[in-house]
Amino acid sequence: MFTRTWNGTHDVCYERDVNGGYAQILDSKDMSCDATMIPSIGPIEMIAINGAITCGKRGGTTFVE
């Protein structure tokens, strides 16, 4: 019925300091992280909602109408 591509995330280096925390996006795999490394998540085709895939048949009036 519908689909959309989620573009994923970048590699992130997360570090805490006395003022809280901050995250830095790593530009390349060669960059080092001396704190907590949060690996990227690749693109995902979003076709399911809560584990269920919805199918439909087009017909009737449009959503605008």
N, C-alpha and C. Protein backbone atom coordinates (compact mmCIF):
# COMPACT_ATOMS: atom_id res chain seq x y z
N MET A 1 0.83 -1.18 0.00
CA MET A 1 0.00 0.00 0.00
C MET A 1 0.88 1.26 0.00
N PHE A 2 1.94 1.23 0.78
CA PHE A 2 2.87 2.35 0.76
C PHE A 2 4.25 1.84 1.19
N THR A 3 5.26 2.60 0.82
CA THR A 3 6.63 2.25 1.18
C THR A 3 7.46 3.54 1.23
N ARG A 4 8.50 3.51 1.99
CA ARG A 4 9.38 4.65 2.10
C ARG A 4 10.75 4.16 2.56
N THR A 5 11.79 4.78 2.04
CA THR A 5 13.14 4.41 2.44
C THR A 5 13.63 5.35 3.54
N TRP A 6 14.03 4.75 4.67
CA TRP A 6 14.67 5.52 5.74
C TRP A 6 16.16 5.48 5.46
N ASN A 7 16.82 6.62 5.42
CA ASN A 7 18.20 6.70 4.97
C ASN A 7 19.24 6.19 5.97
N GLY A 8 18.85 5.85 7.17
CA GLY A 8 19.79 5.30 8.14
C GLY A 8 20.49 6.39 8.95
N THR A 9 21.57 5.99 9.64
CA THR A 9 22.30 6.92 10.49
C THR A 9 23.78 6.89 10.14
N HIS A 10 24.53 7.78 10.77
CA HIS A 10 25.98 7.84 10.61
C HIS A 10 26.65 7.20 11.82
N ASP A 11 27.93 6.86 11.71
CA ASP A 11 28.71 6.48 12.88
C ASP A 11 28.82 7.69 13.79
N VAL A 12 28.64 7.48 15.10
CA VAL A 12 28.66 8.58 16.05
C VAL A 12 29.59 8.25 17.21
N CYS A 13 30.35 9.24 17.64
CA CYS A 13 31.20 9.11 18.82
C CYS A 13 30.50 9.91 19.93
N TYR A 14 30.08 9.22 21.01
CA TYR A 14 29.35 9.87 22.09
C TYR A 14 30.25 9.98 23.31
N GLU A 15 30.36 11.17 23.86
CA GLU A 15 31.23 11.39 25.01
C GLU A 15 30.49 12.20 26.07
N ARG A 16 30.64 11.79 27.33
CA ARG A 16 30.05 12.54 28.44
C ARG A 16 31.12 13.40 29.08
N ASP A 17 30.70 14.58 29.53
CA ASP A 17 31.59 15.44 30.30
C ASP A 17 30.81 16.03 31.47
N VAL A 18 31.38 16.95 32.20
CA VAL A 18 30.71 17.50 33.39
C VAL A 18 29.45 18.28 33.03
N ASN A 19 29.32 18.75 31.81
CA ASN A 19 28.15 19.51 31.39
C ASN A 19 27.08 18.65 30.75
N GLY A 20 27.25 17.35 30.74
CA GLY A 20 26.28 16.46 30.10
C GLY A 20 26.97 15.58 29.09
N GLY A 21 26.49 15.58 27.89
CA GLY A 21 27.09 14.75 26.86
C GLY A 21 26.96 15.40 25.50
N TYR A 22 27.74 14.94 24.58
CA TYR A 22 27.63 15.43 23.21
C TYR A 22 27.99 14.31 22.26
N ALA A 23 27.50 14.40 21.06
CA ALA A 23 27.76 13.40 20.03
C ALA A 23 28.43 14.08 18.85
N GLN A 24 29.35 13.36 18.23
CA GLN A 24 30.05 13.87 17.04
C GLN A 24 29.89 12.84 15.93
N ILE A 25 29.40 13.27 14.78
CA ILE A 25 29.28 12.38 13.63
C ILE A 25 30.66 12.17 13.04
N LEU A 26 31.03 10.91 12.84
CA LEU A 26 32.32 10.60 12.25
C LEU A 26 32.20 10.65 10.73
N ASP A 27 33.06 11.41 10.10
CA ASP A 27 32.98 11.61 8.65
C ASP A 27 33.45 10.40 7.85
N SER A 28 34.34 9.61 8.40
CA SER A 28 34.84 8.45 7.66
C SER A 28 35.16 7.32 8.63
N LYS A 29 35.31 6.12 8.10
CA LYS A 29 35.63 4.96 8.93
C LYS A 29 37.03 5.06 9.53
N ASP A 30 37.87 5.95 8.97
CA ASP A 30 39.24 6.09 9.46
C ASP A 30 39.34 6.96 10.71
N MET A 31 38.28 7.71 11.04
CA MET A 31 38.34 8.57 12.22
C MET A 31 38.28 7.73 13.48
N SER A 32 38.99 8.15 14.51
CA SER A 32 39.02 7.40 15.76
C SER A 32 38.06 8.01 16.77
N CYS A 33 37.66 7.19 17.72
CA CYS A 33 36.75 7.61 18.78
C CYS A 33 37.31 7.10 20.09
N ASP A 34 37.62 8.00 21.00
CA ASP A 34 38.17 7.62 22.30
C ASP A 34 37.09 7.42 23.35
N ALA A 35 35.84 7.60 22.99
CA ALA A 35 34.72 7.46 23.92
C ALA A 35 33.84 6.29 23.47
N THR A 36 32.54 6.43 23.56
CA THR A 36 31.61 5.37 23.17
C THR A 36 31.28 5.50 21.69
N MET A 37 31.55 4.46 20.94
CA MET A 37 31.27 4.43 19.50
C MET A 37 29.88 3.83 19.27
N ILE A 38 29.02 4.57 18.59
CA ILE A 38 27.69 4.09 18.23
C ILE A 38 27.72 3.86 16.72
N PRO A 39 27.68 2.59 16.28
CA PRO A 39 27.80 2.31 14.85
C PRO A 39 26.56 2.74 14.07
N SER A 40 26.78 2.98 12.79
CA SER A 40 25.69 3.42 11.92
C SER A 40 24.71 2.28 11.64
N ILE A 41 23.53 2.68 11.20
CA ILE A 41 22.49 1.75 10.75
C ILE A 41 22.24 2.07 9.30
N GLY A 42 22.27 1.07 8.45
CA GLY A 42 22.08 1.27 7.02
C GLY A 42 20.65 1.61 6.64
N PRO A 43 20.43 1.98 5.39
CA PRO A 43 19.07 2.30 4.93
C PRO A 43 18.13 1.11 5.10
N ILE A 44 16.87 1.42 5.39
CA ILE A 44 15.85 0.40 5.61
C ILE A 44 14.62 0.77 4.78
N GLU A 45 14.06 -0.19 4.09
CA GLU A 45 12.80 0.00 3.36
C GLU A 45 11.66 -0.19 4.36
N MET A 46 10.93 0.88 4.65
CA MET A 46 9.86 0.82 5.67
C MET A 46 8.56 0.40 5.00
N ILE A 47 8.21 -0.86 5.17
CA ILE A 47 6.98 -1.37 4.57
C ILE A 47 6.05 -1.97 5.62
N ALA A 48 6.50 -2.10 6.87
CA ALA A 48 5.69 -2.71 7.91
C ALA A 48 5.44 -1.71 9.04
N ILE A 49 4.27 -1.78 9.65
CA ILE A 49 3.91 -0.97 10.80
C ILE A 49 3.62 -1.94 11.95
N ASN A 50 4.41 -1.84 13.01
CA ASN A 50 4.28 -2.76 14.15
C ASN A 50 4.30 -4.22 13.71
N GLY A 51 5.15 -4.52 12.74
CA GLY A 51 5.30 -5.89 12.27
C GLY A 51 4.26 -6.34 11.27
N ALA A 52 3.28 -5.51 10.94
CA ALA A 52 2.23 -5.89 10.00
C ALA A 52 2.42 -5.15 8.68
N ILE A 53 2.28 -5.87 7.60
CA ILE A 53 2.35 -5.27 6.27
C ILE A 53 0.92 -5.07 5.78
N THR A 54 0.62 -3.84 5.36
CA THR A 54 -0.73 -3.50 4.91
C THR A 54 -0.80 -3.60 3.39
N CYS A 55 -1.81 -4.28 2.92
CA CYS A 55 -2.05 -4.39 1.49
C CYS A 55 -3.37 -3.69 1.18
N GLY A 56 -3.47 -3.15 -0.01
CA GLY A 56 -4.71 -2.47 -0.36
C GLY A 56 -4.94 -2.49 -1.86
N LYS A 57 -6.15 -2.16 -2.22
CA LYS A 57 -6.53 -2.09 -3.62
C LYS A 57 -7.05 -0.68 -3.88
N ARG A 58 -6.50 -0.05 -4.89
CA ARG A 58 -6.92 1.31 -5.19
C ARG A 58 -8.32 1.31 -5.77
N GLY A 59 -9.10 2.25 -5.31
CA GLY A 59 -10.46 2.39 -5.81
C GLY A 59 -11.18 3.49 -5.07
N GLY A 60 -12.28 3.95 -5.60
CA GLY A 60 -13.05 5.00 -4.94
C GLY A 60 -12.46 6.38 -5.19
N THR A 61 -12.89 7.32 -4.37
CA THR A 61 -12.43 8.71 -4.53
C THR A 61 -11.03 8.88 -3.96
N THR A 62 -10.36 9.95 -4.38
CA THR A 62 -9.03 10.22 -3.90
C THR A 62 -9.07 10.79 -2.48
N PHE A 63 -7.93 10.83 -1.82
CA PHE A 63 -7.88 11.39 -0.47
C PHE A 63 -8.24 12.86 -0.47
N VAL A 64 -7.89 13.56 -1.52
CA VAL A 64 -8.18 14.99 -1.60
C VAL A 64 -9.68 15.22 -1.62
N GLU A 65 -10.41 14.37 -2.31
CA GLU A 65 -11.86 14.50 -2.40
C GLU A 65 -12.52 14.07 -1.11
